[in-house]
Amino acid sequence: MIKVSTDKNKLDISFIQSFLKDIYWTAPRTIEEVQTAIDASFCFGIYLDEKQIGFARVITDYVVFGYVMDVFIIEEHRGKGYSSVLIKTMMNEPALKEIKLWRLGTTDAHFLYKKFGFTALNHPEKMMEKVIK
């Protein structure tokens, strides 16, 4: 049975760090950095028969802005609709219902996020960033 939980106590930090340490959008990330990010975010774990198979988090002020980060389903469970379950749960989370502007970055999952109303930026010329390497 598939279940999504926002209980941070259920999250398997080692599992999450093991996935994130080698993925293109975050590498490298220590277990301490993963814990800090989780502590500062609204998190979602997705579980199949009580075993964690994925994760997502939202950085938010709970009113104006939410930024979706670190969304993943482990490879052996991809293609089964679990990422859609995860994102749908996130978008319907009562604690996040007031958010007016959602953002995220993706290289290869546009098809997933489009199902939930995400589009390309209306005014990318207004966006700026500072990258520290």
Protein backbone atom coordinates (compact mmCIF):
# COMPACT_ATOMS: atom_id res chain seq x y z
CA MET A 1 0.00 0.00 0.00
CA ILE A 2 1.28 3.47 -0.94
CA LYS A 3 1.18 6.27 1.63
CA VAL A 4 2.51 9.83 1.74
CA SER A 5 3.40 11.31 5.11
CA THR A 6 4.54 14.73 6.30
CA ASP A 7 5.87 13.28 9.55
CA LYS A 8 9.58 14.16 9.59
CA ASN A 9 10.18 11.50 12.25
CA LYS A 10 9.36 8.82 9.68
CA LEU A 11 11.92 10.07 7.14
CA ASP A 12 14.92 7.83 6.55
CA ILE A 13 17.67 10.47 6.43
CA SER A 14 20.32 7.95 5.31
CA PHE A 15 18.07 6.80 2.46
CA ILE A 16 17.46 10.39 1.35
CA GLN A 17 21.13 11.36 1.56
CA SER A 18 22.18 8.21 -0.27
CA PHE A 19 19.98 9.19 -3.20
CA LEU A 20 20.80 12.91 -3.15
CA LYS A 21 24.57 12.56 -2.82
CA ASP A 22 24.93 11.35 -6.40
CA ILE A 23 22.07 13.07 -8.23
CA TYR A 24 22.89 15.78 -10.74
CA TRP A 25 20.96 18.59 -9.08
CA THR A 26 22.48 18.35 -5.59
CA ALA A 27 25.75 16.46 -5.55
CA PRO A 28 27.51 16.32 -3.22
CA ARG A 29 25.41 16.73 -0.07
CA THR A 30 26.42 15.45 3.34
CA ILE A 31 24.02 13.81 5.76
CA GLU A 32 24.32 16.90 7.97
CA GLU A 33 23.33 19.13 5.06
CA VAL A 34 20.38 16.87 4.26
CA GLN A 35 19.24 17.07 7.89
CA THR A 36 19.56 20.87 7.92
CA ALA A 37 17.52 21.13 4.70
CA ILE A 38 14.83 18.84 6.11
CA ASP A 39 14.68 20.81 9.36
CA ALA A 40 14.08 24.03 7.38
CA SER A 41 11.47 22.61 4.97
CA PHE A 42 7.98 21.14 4.80
CA CYS A 43 8.72 17.53 3.84
CA PHE A 44 6.91 14.62 2.25
CA GLY A 45 8.00 11.00 2.42
CA ILE A 46 6.34 8.42 0.20
CA TYR A 47 6.19 4.84 1.45
CA LEU A 48 5.30 1.52 -0.13
CA ASP A 49 4.38 -1.05 2.50
CA GLU A 50 6.01 1.17 5.14
CA LYS A 51 9.33 1.36 3.24
CA GLN A 52 10.38 4.80 1.99
CA ILE A 53 10.63 4.95 -1.80
CA GLY A 54 10.77 8.69 -2.38
CA PHE A 55 10.87 12.18 -0.99
CA ALA A 56 10.05 15.82 -1.70
CA ARG A 57 10.28 19.06 0.21
CA VAL A 58 8.94 22.58 -0.02
CA ILE A 59 10.74 25.71 1.14
CA THR A 60 7.98 28.14 2.05
CA ASP A 61 6.68 31.06 4.06
CA TYR A 62 3.22 29.35 3.99
CA VAL A 63 1.56 32.43 2.49
CA VAL A 64 3.21 33.82 -0.61
CA PHE A 65 5.85 31.46 -1.92
CA GLY A 66 6.68 27.77 -2.12
CA TYR A 67 9.70 26.24 -3.84
CA VAL A 68 9.57 22.51 -4.58
CA MET A 69 12.88 20.71 -4.16
CA ASP A 70 14.53 17.29 -4.06
CA VAL A 71 11.60 15.37 -5.55
CA PHE A 72 12.48 11.77 -6.25
CA ILE A 73 11.21 8.21 -6.46
CA ILE A 74 13.89 5.51 -6.42
CA GLU A 75 14.51 3.96 -9.80
CA GLU A 76 12.94 0.56 -9.12
CA HIS A 77 9.58 2.23 -8.42
CA ARG A 78 9.49 4.79 -11.24
CA GLY A 79 6.87 4.61 -13.95
CA LYS A 80 4.15 3.44 -11.55
CA GLY A 81 2.52 6.82 -10.89
CA TYR A 82 4.07 7.32 -7.46
CA SER A 83 5.59 10.69 -8.34
CA SER A 84 2.12 11.92 -9.32
CA VAL A 85 0.76 10.70 -5.98
CA LEU A 86 3.56 12.56 -4.21
CA ILE A 87 3.05 15.85 -6.10
CA LYS A 88 -0.75 15.66 -5.83
CA THR A 89 -0.47 15.20 -2.07
CA MET A 90 1.90 18.15 -1.88
CA MET A 91 -0.40 20.40 -3.91
CA ASN A 92 -3.38 19.42 -1.72
CA GLU A 93 -1.62 19.76 1.63
CA PRO A 94 -3.81 21.94 3.89
CA ALA A 95 -0.78 23.61 5.52
CA LEU A 96 0.30 24.87 2.07
CA LYS A 97 -3.11 25.93 0.74
CA GLU A 98 -2.44 29.68 1.06
CA ILE A 99 0.66 29.70 -1.16
CA LYS A 100 0.13 32.02 -4.13
CA LEU A 101 3.30 31.31 -6.12
CA TRP A 102 4.88 27.90 -6.57
CA ARG A 103 8.25 27.44 -8.27
CA LEU A 104 10.62 24.61 -9.04
CA GLY A 105 13.53 23.74 -11.26
CA THR A 106 13.72 20.63 -13.42
CA THR A 107 15.82 19.37 -16.28
CA ASP A 108 13.81 16.32 -17.25
CA ALA A 109 10.42 16.15 -15.50
CA HIS A 110 8.43 18.93 -17.16
CA PHE A 111 5.79 16.37 -18.20
CA LEU A 112 5.12 15.55 -14.53
CA TYR A 113 4.80 19.09 -13.25
CA LYS A 114 2.68 20.28 -16.19
CA LYS A 115 -0.02 17.86 -14.97
CA PHE A 116 -0.23 19.98 -11.83
CA GLY A 117 -0.37 23.38 -13.53
CA PHE A 118 3.32 24.31 -13.58
CA THR A 119 4.45 26.25 -16.64
CA ALA A 120 7.57 28.02 -17.85
CA LEU A 121 8.18 31.38 -16.15
CA ASN A 122 5.97 34.18 -17.47
CA HIS A 123 8.75 36.71 -16.99
CA PRO A 124 12.12 34.95 -16.80
CA GLU A 125 13.83 38.30 -17.43
CA LYS A 126 12.73 39.33 -13.91
CA MET A 127 14.44 36.36 -12.25
CA MET A 128 17.98 36.50 -10.94
CA GLU A 129 20.22 34.06 -9.16
CA LYS A 130 23.53 33.89 -7.35
CA VAL A 131 25.38 30.58 -7.53
CA ILE A 132 28.17 29.87 -5.05
CA LYS A 133 30.45 27.01 -5.98
